[in-house]
């Protein structure tokens, strides 16, 4: 028999070891994906490990706790929103444009990342460490601060005698609308999109 006709034994491909930092990203991506399931219950490290086909001990080699994993998601939210929001503030001189673009940015980010939206509204943090909710609240306080700044500049340009008050009131209202839409998005199982009637809503917030 011709040996050339005998197929060589196929050896299983060796499992690639993740590069440094790659496993952390995989863990956070898996957590965010699991949060995208409407009505998902509290996510356990056991379920997360099972999804990644690793041991729970492997998770803890990269994160000291599940709270630290959620902090990683919040850091991603912060970096994503404020990198772009700060660019908007620097590049756009018109405060009305600043306001519309920042509000659109937050709503569109949540719509594209449903799992992150649950973190943003605190839904995913209910049974987690209190510091996570505090930190997420600080993100919205920073966003409100940017909006107050733009609303104040807009009020000054329009000749308001109380631009600071106008900035505070309108910045607070705008953030309330954003939070309301994000809550509705998560409560409806991601069916009612946060960008619903976006242009008309933004016009009302600039009326």
N, C-alpha and C. Protein backbone atom coordinates (compact mmCIF):
# COMPACT_ATOMS: atom_id res chain seq x y z
N UNK A 1 0.86 -1.21 0.00
CA UNK A 1 0.00 0.00 0.00
C UNK A 1 0.89 1.24 0.00
N UNK A 2 0.50 2.20 -0.81
CA UNK A 2 1.29 3.43 -0.89
C UNK A 2 1.06 4.28 0.35
N UNK A 3 2.15 4.52 1.10
CA UNK A 3 2.02 5.31 2.33
C UNK A 3 1.51 6.71 2.07
N UNK A 4 1.73 7.21 0.85
CA UNK A 4 1.31 8.58 0.54
C UNK A 4 -0.22 8.71 0.55
N UNK A 5 -0.92 7.58 0.40
CA UNK A 5 -2.38 7.62 0.35
C UNK A 5 -3.01 7.54 1.74
N UNK A 6 -2.18 7.25 2.75
CA UNK A 6 -2.70 7.15 4.11
C UNK A 6 -2.71 8.54 4.72
N UNK A 7 -3.90 9.08 5.10
CA UNK A 7 -3.96 10.44 5.65
C UNK A 7 -3.22 10.51 6.98
N UNK A 8 -2.51 11.58 7.16
CA UNK A 8 -1.79 11.78 8.42
C UNK A 8 -2.79 12.07 9.53
N UNK A 9 -2.46 11.65 10.72
CA UNK A 9 -3.33 11.92 11.87
C UNK A 9 -3.41 13.42 12.11
N UNK A 10 -4.61 13.93 12.30
CA UNK A 10 -4.80 15.37 12.54
C UNK A 10 -4.75 15.63 14.04
N UNK A 11 -3.77 16.39 14.44
CA UNK A 11 -3.64 16.72 15.86
C UNK A 11 -4.47 17.94 16.18
N UNK A 12 -5.14 17.96 17.32
CA UNK A 12 -5.94 19.15 17.68
C UNK A 12 -5.06 20.38 17.82
N UNK A 13 -5.58 21.49 17.31
CA UNK A 13 -4.80 22.73 17.38
C UNK A 13 -4.64 23.14 18.84
N UNK A 14 -3.42 23.51 19.22
CA UNK A 14 -3.21 23.92 20.62
C UNK A 14 -4.02 25.17 20.94
N UNK A 15 -4.58 25.22 22.13
CA UNK A 15 -5.37 26.37 22.55
C UNK A 15 -4.45 27.56 22.80
N UNK A 16 -4.73 28.63 22.14
CA UNK A 16 -3.87 29.81 22.26
C UNK A 16 -4.04 30.46 23.64
N UNK A 17 -2.92 30.82 24.18
CA UNK A 17 -2.97 31.55 25.45
C UNK A 17 -3.22 33.03 25.15
N UNK A 18 -4.17 33.64 25.85
CA UNK A 18 -4.44 35.07 25.61
C UNK A 18 -3.21 35.92 25.90
N UNK A 19 -3.05 36.98 25.13
CA UNK A 19 -1.95 37.91 25.38
C UNK A 19 -2.24 38.67 26.68
N UNK A 20 -1.20 39.27 27.28
CA UNK A 20 -1.42 40.04 28.51
C UNK A 20 -2.48 41.12 28.31
N UNK A 21 -3.46 41.15 29.17
CA UNK A 21 -4.53 42.15 29.07
C UNK A 21 -5.69 41.69 28.22
N UNK A 22 -5.45 40.71 27.34
CA UNK A 22 -6.52 40.24 26.45
C UNK A 22 -7.63 39.53 27.23
N UNK A 23 -7.24 38.73 28.23
CA UNK A 23 -8.23 38.00 29.01
C UNK A 23 -9.13 38.97 29.78
N UNK A 24 -8.55 40.06 30.31
CA UNK A 24 -9.36 41.07 31.01
C UNK A 24 -10.45 41.60 30.09
N UNK A 25 -10.06 41.91 28.87
CA UNK A 25 -11.01 42.44 27.89
C UNK A 25 -12.10 41.41 27.60
N UNK A 26 -11.68 40.13 27.45
CA UNK A 26 -12.65 39.07 27.18
C UNK A 26 -13.65 38.92 28.31
N UNK A 27 -13.17 39.04 29.54
CA UNK A 27 -14.05 38.93 30.70
C UNK A 27 -15.08 40.06 30.70
N UNK A 28 -14.62 41.28 30.45
CA UNK A 28 -15.52 42.43 30.44
C UNK A 28 -16.53 42.34 29.29
N UNK A 29 -16.05 41.88 28.13
CA UNK A 29 -16.96 41.72 26.99
C UNK A 29 -18.04 40.67 27.29
N UNK A 30 -17.63 39.59 27.93
CA UNK A 30 -18.59 38.54 28.28
C UNK A 30 -19.61 39.04 29.29
N UNK A 31 -19.14 39.80 30.27
CA UNK A 31 -20.05 40.36 31.28
C UNK A 31 -21.05 41.31 30.63
N UNK A 32 -20.57 42.18 29.75
CA UNK A 32 -21.45 43.13 29.06
C UNK A 32 -22.48 42.39 28.21
N UNK A 33 -22.05 41.32 27.54
CA UNK A 33 -22.96 40.54 26.70
C UNK A 33 -24.04 39.86 27.53
N UNK A 34 -23.65 39.32 28.69
CA UNK A 34 -24.62 38.67 29.57
C UNK A 34 -25.64 39.67 30.10
N UNK A 35 -25.22 40.92 30.28
CA UNK A 35 -26.13 41.96 30.76
C UNK A 35 -27.14 42.38 29.69
N UNK A 36 -26.87 42.00 28.44
CA UNK A 36 -27.77 42.37 27.35
C UNK A 36 -29.02 41.50 27.29
N UNK A 37 -29.06 40.46 28.09
CA UNK A 37 -30.24 39.59 28.08
C UNK A 37 -31.36 40.27 28.86
N UNK A 38 -32.48 40.61 28.21
CA UNK A 38 -33.59 41.28 28.92
C UNK A 38 -34.06 40.44 30.10
N UNK A 39 -34.22 41.09 31.23
CA UNK A 39 -34.70 40.40 32.41
C UNK A 39 -33.67 39.50 33.06
N UNK A 40 -32.40 39.65 32.67
CA UNK A 40 -31.35 38.80 33.23
C UNK A 40 -31.24 39.02 34.74
N UNK A 41 -31.10 37.91 35.45
CA UNK A 41 -30.94 38.00 36.90
C UNK A 41 -29.50 38.37 37.22
N UNK A 42 -29.22 38.46 38.52
CA UNK A 42 -27.87 38.80 38.94
C UNK A 42 -26.86 37.81 38.35
N UNK A 43 -25.81 38.33 37.76
CA UNK A 43 -24.81 37.49 37.12
C UNK A 43 -23.79 37.04 38.16
N UNK A 44 -23.58 35.74 38.23
CA UNK A 44 -22.61 35.19 39.18
C UNK A 44 -21.28 34.96 38.47
N UNK A 45 -20.22 34.91 39.26
CA UNK A 45 -18.90 34.63 38.68
C UNK A 45 -18.88 33.21 38.11
N UNK A 46 -19.65 32.30 38.68
CA UNK A 46 -19.71 30.93 38.17
C UNK A 46 -20.28 30.92 36.75
N UNK A 47 -21.37 31.70 36.53
CA UNK A 47 -21.99 31.77 35.20
C UNK A 47 -21.05 32.45 34.21
N UNK A 48 -20.36 33.48 34.66
CA UNK A 48 -19.42 34.20 33.79
C UNK A 48 -18.26 33.28 33.40
N UNK A 49 -17.75 32.55 34.38
CA UNK A 49 -16.65 31.62 34.11
C UNK A 49 -17.08 30.53 33.13
N UNK A 50 -18.31 30.04 33.31
CA UNK A 50 -18.83 28.99 32.43
C UNK A 50 -18.94 29.50 30.99
N UNK A 51 -19.38 30.75 30.84
CA UNK A 51 -19.51 31.33 29.49
C UNK A 51 -18.15 31.42 28.81
N UNK A 52 -17.13 31.72 29.58
CA UNK A 52 -15.78 31.86 29.02
C UNK A 52 -15.03 30.54 28.98
N UNK A 53 -15.66 29.50 29.55
CA UNK A 53 -15.04 28.17 29.61
C UNK A 53 -13.71 28.20 30.36
N UNK A 54 -13.72 28.89 31.49
CA UNK A 54 -12.55 28.93 32.37
C UNK A 54 -13.05 28.70 33.80
N UNK A 55 -12.13 28.57 34.72
CA UNK A 55 -12.50 28.40 36.12
C UNK A 55 -12.74 29.77 36.76
N UNK A 56 -13.47 29.78 37.87
CA UNK A 56 -13.65 31.04 38.60
C UNK A 56 -12.30 31.58 39.07
N UNK A 57 -11.40 30.67 39.43
CA UNK A 57 -10.06 31.09 39.86
C UNK A 57 -9.36 31.88 38.76
N UNK A 58 -9.62 31.48 37.50
CA UNK A 58 -9.00 32.19 36.37
C UNK A 58 -9.51 33.63 36.29
N UNK A 59 -10.78 33.83 36.63
CA UNK A 59 -11.33 35.19 36.64
C UNK A 59 -10.62 36.05 37.68
N UNK A 60 -10.41 35.45 38.85
CA UNK A 60 -9.83 36.21 39.95
C UNK A 60 -8.33 36.46 39.79
N UNK A 61 -7.73 35.85 38.78
CA UNK A 61 -6.34 36.20 38.47
C UNK A 61 -6.27 37.55 37.77
N UNK A 62 -7.40 37.98 37.23
CA UNK A 62 -7.43 39.25 36.48
C UNK A 62 -8.21 40.35 37.21
N UNK A 63 -9.16 39.93 38.03
CA UNK A 63 -9.95 40.89 38.81
C UNK A 63 -10.06 40.37 40.24
N UNK A 64 -9.82 41.25 41.19
CA UNK A 64 -9.85 40.84 42.60
C UNK A 64 -11.26 40.47 43.06
N UNK A 65 -12.27 41.01 42.38
CA UNK A 65 -13.65 40.77 42.78
C UNK A 65 -14.58 41.06 41.61
N UNK A 66 -15.84 40.66 41.74
CA UNK A 66 -16.82 40.98 40.70
C UNK A 66 -17.05 42.48 40.64
N UNK A 67 -16.99 43.15 41.80
CA UNK A 67 -17.14 44.60 41.81
C UNK A 67 -16.08 45.26 40.94
N UNK A 68 -14.89 44.70 40.96
CA UNK A 68 -13.81 45.27 40.13
C UNK A 68 -14.11 45.07 38.64
N UNK A 69 -14.80 43.99 38.31
CA UNK A 69 -15.21 43.77 36.91
C UNK A 69 -16.20 44.86 36.48
N UNK A 70 -17.17 45.14 37.35
CA UNK A 70 -18.13 46.20 37.04
C UNK A 70 -17.44 47.56 36.96
N UNK A 71 -16.44 47.76 37.79
CA UNK A 71 -15.67 49.01 37.70
C UNK A 71 -15.00 49.13 36.34
N UNK A 72 -14.56 47.99 35.80
CA UNK A 72 -13.97 48.00 34.47
C UNK A 72 -14.97 48.45 33.42
N UNK A 73 -16.23 48.02 33.56
CA UNK A 73 -17.27 48.46 32.62
C UNK A 73 -17.54 49.96 32.78
N UNK A 74 -17.58 50.43 34.02
CA UNK A 74 -17.82 51.85 34.25
C UNK A 74 -16.68 52.69 33.68
N UNK A 75 -15.46 52.21 33.82
CA UNK A 75 -14.31 52.91 33.24
C UNK A 75 -14.44 53.01 31.73
N UNK A 76 -14.92 51.92 31.11
CA UNK A 76 -15.13 51.93 29.66
C UNK A 76 -16.19 52.97 29.28
N UNK A 77 -17.27 53.02 30.05
CA UNK A 77 -18.33 54.00 29.80
C UNK A 77 -17.77 55.42 29.92
N UNK A 78 -17.04 55.67 30.99
CA UNK A 78 -16.43 56.99 31.22
C UNK A 78 -15.54 57.40 30.06
N UNK A 79 -14.63 56.52 29.70
CA UNK A 79 -13.68 56.85 28.64
C UNK A 79 -14.38 57.08 27.31
N UNK A 80 -15.36 56.23 27.02
CA UNK A 80 -16.08 56.35 25.75
C UNK A 80 -16.84 57.67 25.66
N UNK A 81 -17.55 58.02 26.73
CA UNK A 81 -18.38 59.22 26.71
C UNK A 81 -17.55 60.50 26.80
N UNK A 82 -16.62 60.55 27.73
CA UNK A 82 -15.92 61.82 27.96
C UNK A 82 -14.83 62.11 26.94
N UNK A 83 -14.27 61.09 26.32
CA UNK A 83 -13.32 61.35 25.24
C UNK A 83 -14.02 62.13 24.13
N UNK A 84 -15.23 61.67 23.77
CA UNK A 84 -15.98 62.32 22.70
C UNK A 84 -16.64 63.62 23.17
N UNK A 85 -17.16 63.63 24.40
CA UNK A 85 -17.82 64.83 24.91
C UNK A 85 -16.83 65.99 25.01
N UNK A 86 -15.62 65.71 25.47
CA UNK A 86 -14.61 66.77 25.58
C UNK A 86 -14.20 67.26 24.20
N UNK A 87 -14.16 66.37 23.23
CA UNK A 87 -13.84 66.80 21.86
C UNK A 87 -14.94 67.71 21.33
N UNK A 88 -16.19 67.38 21.63
CA UNK A 88 -17.31 68.22 21.20
C UNK A 88 -17.18 69.62 21.81
N UNK A 89 -16.87 69.67 23.10
CA UNK A 89 -16.74 70.96 23.78
C UNK A 89 -15.60 71.80 23.19
N UNK A 90 -14.53 71.14 22.77
CA UNK A 90 -13.38 71.86 22.23
C UNK A 90 -13.61 72.32 20.79
N UNK A 91 -14.30 71.51 20.01
CA UNK A 91 -14.41 71.78 18.58
C UNK A 91 -15.63 72.61 18.20
N UNK A 92 -16.68 72.53 19.00
CA UNK A 92 -17.91 73.24 18.66
C UNK A 92 -18.04 74.52 19.49
N UNK A 93 -18.09 75.64 18.81
CA UNK A 93 -18.21 76.92 19.51
C UNK A 93 -19.65 77.23 19.91
N UNK A 94 -20.61 76.72 19.16
CA UNK A 94 -22.03 76.99 19.41
C UNK A 94 -22.51 76.11 20.57
N UNK A 95 -22.93 76.71 21.68
CA UNK A 95 -23.39 75.90 22.82
C UNK A 95 -24.59 75.01 22.51
N UNK A 96 -25.45 75.45 21.60
CA UNK A 96 -26.60 74.62 21.22
C UNK A 96 -26.15 73.33 20.54
N UNK A 97 -25.12 73.45 19.72
CA UNK A 97 -24.57 72.27 19.04
C UNK A 97 -23.90 71.37 20.07
N UNK A 98 -23.20 71.96 21.04
CA UNK A 98 -22.57 71.17 22.11
C UNK A 98 -23.62 70.33 22.84
N UNK A 99 -24.72 70.97 23.18
CA UNK A 99 -25.78 70.29 23.93
C UNK A 99 -26.38 69.15 23.13
N UNK A 100 -26.76 69.41 21.90
CA UNK A 100 -27.41 68.37 21.09
C UNK A 100 -26.47 67.20 20.83
N UNK A 101 -25.22 67.48 20.61
CA UNK A 101 -24.28 66.39 20.29
C UNK A 101 -23.93 65.56 21.53
N UNK A 102 -23.81 66.21 22.66
CA UNK A 102 -23.51 65.46 23.89
C UNK A 102 -24.70 64.57 24.27
N UNK A 103 -25.90 65.13 24.21
CA UNK A 103 -27.09 64.34 24.53
C UNK A 103 -27.26 63.17 23.55
N UNK A 104 -27.05 63.45 22.27
CA UNK A 104 -27.14 62.40 21.27
C UNK A 104 -26.09 61.32 21.49
N UNK A 105 -24.89 61.75 21.88
CA UNK A 105 -23.80 60.82 22.14
C UNK A 105 -24.18 59.82 23.23
N UNK A 106 -24.71 60.31 24.35
CA UNK A 106 -25.04 59.44 25.49
C UNK A 106 -26.15 58.47 25.11
N UNK A 107 -27.19 58.97 24.45
CA UNK A 107 -28.32 58.11 24.09
C UNK A 107 -27.94 57.07 23.04
N UNK A 108 -27.13 57.46 22.07
CA UNK A 108 -26.70 56.53 21.03
C UNK A 108 -25.75 55.47 21.59
N UNK A 109 -24.88 55.88 22.51
CA UNK A 109 -23.96 54.93 23.14
C UNK A 109 -24.75 53.84 23.87
N UNK A 110 -25.75 54.26 24.65
CA UNK A 110 -26.56 53.30 25.40
C UNK A 110 -27.33 52.38 24.46
N UNK A 111 -27.84 52.94 23.38
CA UNK A 111 -28.62 52.13 22.44
C UNK A 111 -27.75 51.05 21.78
N UNK A 112 -26.51 51.40 21.47
CA UNK A 112 -25.60 50.44 20.83
C UNK A 112 -25.03 49.44 21.83
N UNK A 113 -25.09 49.77 23.11
CA UNK A 113 -24.52 48.92 24.15
C UNK A 113 -25.55 48.66 25.25
N UNK A 114 -26.55 47.82 24.98
CA UNK A 114 -27.64 47.60 25.95
C UNK A 114 -27.14 47.15 27.32
N UNK A 115 -26.11 46.29 27.34
CA UNK A 115 -25.58 45.85 28.62
C UNK A 115 -25.02 47.00 29.43
N UNK A 116 -24.36 47.92 28.75
CA UNK A 116 -23.81 49.11 29.41
C UNK A 116 -24.94 50.02 29.90
N UNK A 117 -26.05 50.04 29.15
CA UNK A 117 -27.20 50.86 29.56
C UNK A 117 -27.71 50.41 30.92
N UNK A 118 -27.71 49.10 31.16
CA UNK A 118 -28.15 48.59 32.46
C UNK A 118 -27.21 49.01 33.58
N UNK A 119 -25.94 49.13 33.25
CA UNK A 119 -24.98 49.63 34.24
C UNK A 119 -25.21 51.12 34.48
N UNK A 120 -25.46 51.86 33.41
CA UNK A 120 -25.64 53.31 33.50
C UNK A 120 -26.82 53.70 34.38
N UNK A 121 -27.91 52.94 34.28
CA UNK A 121 -29.10 53.28 35.09
C UNK A 121 -29.06 52.62 36.46
N UNK A 122 -28.03 51.79 36.70
CA UNK A 122 -27.90 51.16 38.01
C UNK A 122 -28.63 49.85 38.15
N UNK A 123 -29.37 49.46 37.12
CA UNK A 123 -30.14 48.21 37.16
C UNK A 123 -29.24 47.01 37.43
N UNK A 124 -28.07 47.00 36.79
CA UNK A 124 -27.14 45.87 36.94
C UNK A 124 -26.33 45.94 38.23
N UNK A 125 -26.45 47.06 38.95
CA UNK A 125 -25.61 47.26 40.14
C UNK A 125 -26.37 47.09 41.45
N UNK A 126 -27.66 46.74 41.35
CA UNK A 126 -28.53 46.69 42.53
C UNK A 126 -27.95 45.83 43.64
N UNK A 127 -27.45 44.64 43.30
CA UNK A 127 -26.97 43.72 44.33
C UNK A 127 -25.45 43.75 44.47
N UNK A 128 -24.82 44.75 43.85
CA UNK A 128 -23.36 44.83 43.90
C UNK A 128 -22.93 45.86 44.95
N UNK A 129 -21.64 46.12 45.01
CA UNK A 129 -21.10 47.03 46.01
C UNK A 129 -21.62 48.46 45.81
N UNK A 130 -21.91 49.14 46.92
CA UNK A 130 -22.49 50.48 46.86
C UNK A 130 -21.61 51.47 46.09
N UNK A 131 -20.30 51.27 46.16
CA UNK A 131 -19.40 52.24 45.53
C UNK A 131 -19.60 52.30 44.01
N UNK A 132 -20.12 51.22 43.43
CA UNK A 132 -20.32 51.20 41.99
C UNK A 132 -21.42 52.18 41.58
N UNK A 133 -22.53 52.18 42.34
CA UNK A 133 -23.62 53.11 42.06
C UNK A 133 -23.16 54.55 42.26
N UNK A 134 -22.34 54.77 43.29
CA UNK A 134 -21.81 56.11 43.55
C UNK A 134 -20.98 56.58 42.37
N UNK A 135 -20.12 55.69 41.88
CA UNK A 135 -19.25 56.07 40.77
C UNK A 135 -20.05 56.33 39.50
N UNK A 136 -21.08 55.52 39.26
CA UNK A 136 -21.90 55.74 38.07
C UNK A 136 -22.65 57.06 38.18
N UNK A 137 -23.11 57.39 39.38
CA UNK A 137 -23.77 58.68 39.58
C UNK A 137 -22.83 59.83 39.28
N UNK A 138 -21.57 59.66 39.62
CA UNK A 138 -20.57 60.70 39.37
C UNK A 138 -20.39 60.94 37.87
N UNK A 139 -20.54 59.89 37.08
CA UNK A 139 -20.44 60.04 35.63
C UNK A 139 -21.54 60.98 35.13
N UNK A 140 -22.77 60.78 35.62
CA UNK A 140 -23.87 61.65 35.19
C UNK A 140 -23.73 63.06 35.76
N UNK A 141 -23.13 63.18 36.92
CA UNK A 141 -22.87 64.52 37.47
C UNK A 141 -21.88 65.28 36.60
N UNK A 142 -20.88 64.57 36.10
CA UNK A 142 -19.91 65.21 35.20
C UNK A 142 -20.56 65.61 33.89
N UNK A 143 -21.43 64.75 33.38
CA UNK A 143 -22.14 65.09 32.14
C UNK A 143 -23.05 66.29 32.35
N UNK A 144 -23.73 66.32 33.49
CA UNK A 144 -24.60 67.45 33.80
C UNK A 144 -23.80 68.74 33.91
N UNK A 145 -22.59 68.63 34.47
CA UNK A 145 -21.73 69.81 34.59
C UNK A 145 -21.37 70.37 33.22
N UNK A 146 -21.07 69.49 32.27
CA UNK A 146 -20.77 69.95 30.90
C UNK A 146 -21.99 70.62 30.29
N UNK A 147 -23.16 70.02 30.48
CA UNK A 147 -24.39 70.57 29.92
C UNK A 147 -24.74 71.92 30.56
N UNK A 148 -24.55 72.03 31.88
CA UNK A 148 -24.81 73.32 32.56
C UNK A 148 -23.94 74.41 31.96
N UNK A 149 -22.69 74.05 31.70
CA UNK A 149 -21.75 75.02 31.12
C UNK A 149 -22.25 75.51 29.77
N UNK A 150 -22.71 74.59 28.93
CA UNK A 150 -23.21 74.96 27.59
C UNK A 150 -24.52 75.72 27.68
N UNK A 151 -25.41 75.29 28.56
CA UNK A 151 -26.69 76.00 28.70
C UNK A 151 -26.47 77.42 29.25
N UNK A 152 -25.50 77.57 30.14
CA UNK A 152 -25.20 78.90 30.67
C UNK A 152 -24.69 79.80 29.56
N UNK A 153 -23.76 79.27 28.73
CA UNK A 153 -23.22 80.06 27.61
C UNK A 153 -24.33 80.43 26.64
N UNK A 154 -25.25 79.53 26.41
CA UNK A 154 -26.38 79.78 25.52
C UNK A 154 -27.28 80.87 26.09
N UNK A 155 -27.52 80.80 27.40
CA UNK A 155 -28.36 81.81 28.05
C UNK A 155 -27.71 83.19 27.98
N UNK A 156 -26.41 83.24 28.18
CA UNK A 156 -25.68 84.52 28.11
C UNK A 156 -25.78 85.11 26.70
N UNK A 157 -25.63 84.25 25.70
CA UNK A 157 -25.69 84.72 24.31
C UNK A 157 -27.07 85.24 23.96
N UNK A 158 -28.09 84.74 24.67
CA UNK A 158 -29.46 85.17 24.41
C UNK A 158 -29.89 86.32 25.32
N UNK A 159 -28.94 86.82 26.11
CA UNK A 159 -29.22 87.99 26.94
C UNK A 159 -29.96 87.71 28.23
N UNK A 160 -29.90 86.49 28.74
CA UNK A 160 -30.58 86.17 29.99
C UNK A 160 -29.94 86.94 31.15
N UNK A 161 -30.78 87.36 32.10
CA UNK A 161 -30.26 88.05 33.29
C UNK A 161 -29.89 87.04 34.38
N UNK A 162 -30.25 85.77 34.17
CA UNK A 162 -29.91 84.72 35.15
C UNK A 162 -29.29 83.52 34.44
N UNK A 163 -28.17 83.71 33.75
CA UNK A 163 -27.58 82.60 32.97
C UNK A 163 -27.14 81.41 33.81
N UNK A 164 -26.66 81.68 35.02
CA UNK A 164 -26.21 80.56 35.88
C UNK A 164 -27.37 79.68 36.28
N UNK A 165 -28.47 80.35 36.70
CA UNK A 165 -29.67 79.60 37.09
C UNK A 165 -30.22 78.84 35.88
N UNK A 166 -30.27 79.51 34.75
CA UNK A 166 -30.77 78.86 33.53
C UNK A 166 -29.93 77.63 33.20
N UNK A 167 -28.62 77.76 33.36
CA UNK A 167 -27.73 76.64 33.07
C UNK A 167 -27.98 75.47 33.99
N UNK A 168 -28.18 75.77 35.27
CA UNK A 168 -28.43 74.70 36.25
C UNK A 168 -29.75 73.99 36.00
N UNK A 169 -30.79 74.79 35.76
CA UNK A 169 -32.13 74.22 35.56
C UNK A 169 -32.18 73.37 34.29
N UNK A 170 -31.67 73.91 33.20
CA UNK A 170 -31.73 73.19 31.92
C UNK A 170 -30.79 71.99 31.88
N UNK A 171 -29.63 72.11 32.52
CA UNK A 171 -28.72 70.97 32.58
C UNK A 171 -29.34 69.82 33.35
N UNK A 172 -30.00 70.15 34.46
CA UNK A 172 -30.68 69.14 35.27
C UNK A 172 -31.82 68.49 34.49
N UNK A 173 -32.59 69.31 33.79
CA UNK A 173 -33.71 68.78 32.99
C UNK A 173 -33.21 67.85 31.90
N UNK A 174 -32.15 68.23 31.22
CA UNK A 174 -31.62 67.42 30.12
C UNK A 174 -31.15 66.06 30.62
N UNK A 175 -30.44 66.05 31.74
CA UNK A 175 -29.96 64.78 32.29
C UNK A 175 -31.14 63.92 32.76
N UNK A 176 -32.18 64.55 33.29
CA UNK A 176 -33.37 63.81 33.71
C UNK A 176 -34.03 63.12 32.52
N UNK A 177 -34.07 63.81 31.39
CA UNK A 177 -34.65 63.23 30.18
C UNK A 177 -33.81 62.04 29.72
N UNK A 178 -32.49 62.21 29.74
CA UNK A 178 -31.59 61.12 29.34
C UNK A 178 -31.80 59.90 30.23
N UNK A 179 -31.80 60.11 31.54
CA UNK A 179 -31.97 59.00 32.47
C UNK A 179 -33.33 58.33 32.30
N UNK A 180 -34.36 59.14 32.08
CA UNK A 180 -35.69 58.59 31.86
C UNK A 180 -35.73 57.69 30.64
N UNK A 181 -35.08 58.11 29.58
CA UNK A 181 -35.07 57.30 28.36
C UNK A 181 -34.26 56.02 28.54
N UNK A 182 -33.17 56.11 29.29
CA UNK A 182 -32.36 54.92 29.52
C UNK A 182 -33.11 53.92 30.40
N UNK A 183 -33.82 54.43 31.42
CA UNK A 183 -34.63 53.55 32.26
C UNK A 183 -35.72 52.87 31.44
N UNK A 184 -36.38 53.61 30.58
CA UNK A 184 -37.43 53.03 29.74
C UNK A 184 -36.84 51.97 28.81
N UNK A 185 -35.66 52.24 28.28
CA UNK A 185 -34.97 51.31 27.39
C UNK A 185 -34.73 49.97 28.09
N UNK A 186 -34.23 50.01 29.31
CA UNK A 186 -33.94 48.77 30.03
C UNK A 186 -35.21 48.11 30.54
N UNK A 187 -36.19 48.90 30.99
CA UNK A 187 -37.42 48.34 31.56
C UNK A 187 -38.29 47.65 30.50
N UNK A 188 -38.14 48.07 29.23
CA UNK A 188 -38.94 47.47 28.17
C UNK A 188 -38.19 46.35 27.45
N UNK A 189 -37.12 45.86 28.10
CA UNK A 189 -36.35 44.80 27.45
C UNK A 189 -35.67 45.28 26.19
N UNK A 190 -35.26 46.57 26.19
CA UNK A 190 -34.54 47.20 25.07
C UNK A 190 -35.41 47.41 23.84
N UNK A 191 -36.74 47.44 24.03
CA UNK A 191 -37.65 47.64 22.89
C UNK A 191 -37.86 49.13 22.58
N UNK A 192 -38.03 49.95 23.62
CA UNK A 192 -38.23 51.39 23.40
C UNK A 192 -36.86 52.06 23.36
N UNK A 193 -36.43 52.41 22.17
CA UNK A 193 -35.07 52.93 21.98
C UNK A 193 -34.90 54.32 22.58
N UNK A 194 -33.73 54.58 23.18
CA UNK A 194 -33.50 55.90 23.78
C UNK A 194 -33.44 57.03 22.76
N UNK A 195 -33.17 56.69 21.49
CA UNK A 195 -33.09 57.73 20.46
C UNK A 195 -34.44 57.97 19.77
N UNK A 196 -35.50 57.40 20.31
CA UNK A 196 -36.83 57.58 19.72
C UNK A 196 -37.18 59.07 19.66
N UNK A 197 -37.59 59.55 18.48
CA UNK A 197 -37.94 60.96 18.26
C UNK A 197 -36.83 61.89 18.78
N UNK A 198 -35.58 61.50 18.50
CA UNK A 198 -34.44 62.23 19.07
C UNK A 198 -34.40 63.70 18.65
N UNK A 199 -34.52 63.96 17.37
CA UNK A 199 -34.42 65.35 16.89
C UNK A 199 -35.49 66.23 17.52
N UNK A 200 -36.73 65.73 17.57
CA UNK A 200 -37.82 66.52 18.15
C UNK A 200 -37.59 66.75 19.64
N UNK A 201 -37.05 65.74 20.32
CA UNK A 201 -36.77 65.87 21.75
C UNK A 201 -35.70 66.91 22.00
N UNK A 202 -34.64 66.87 21.20
CA UNK A 202 -33.55 67.83 21.37
C UNK A 202 -34.04 69.27 21.12
N UNK A 203 -34.95 69.43 20.17
CA UNK A 203 -35.51 70.77 19.90
C UNK A 203 -36.27 71.28 21.12
N UNK A 204 -37.00 70.38 21.78
CA UNK A 204 -37.73 70.77 22.98
C UNK A 204 -36.78 71.18 24.10
N UNK A 205 -35.67 70.47 24.20
CA UNK A 205 -34.69 70.78 25.25
C UNK A 205 -33.92 72.06 24.97
N UNK A 206 -34.07 72.59 23.75
CA UNK A 206 -33.42 73.85 23.39
C UNK A 206 -34.44 74.95 23.15
N UNK A 207 -35.68 74.68 23.50
CA UNK A 207 -36.74 75.67 23.25
C UNK A 207 -36.54 76.91 24.12
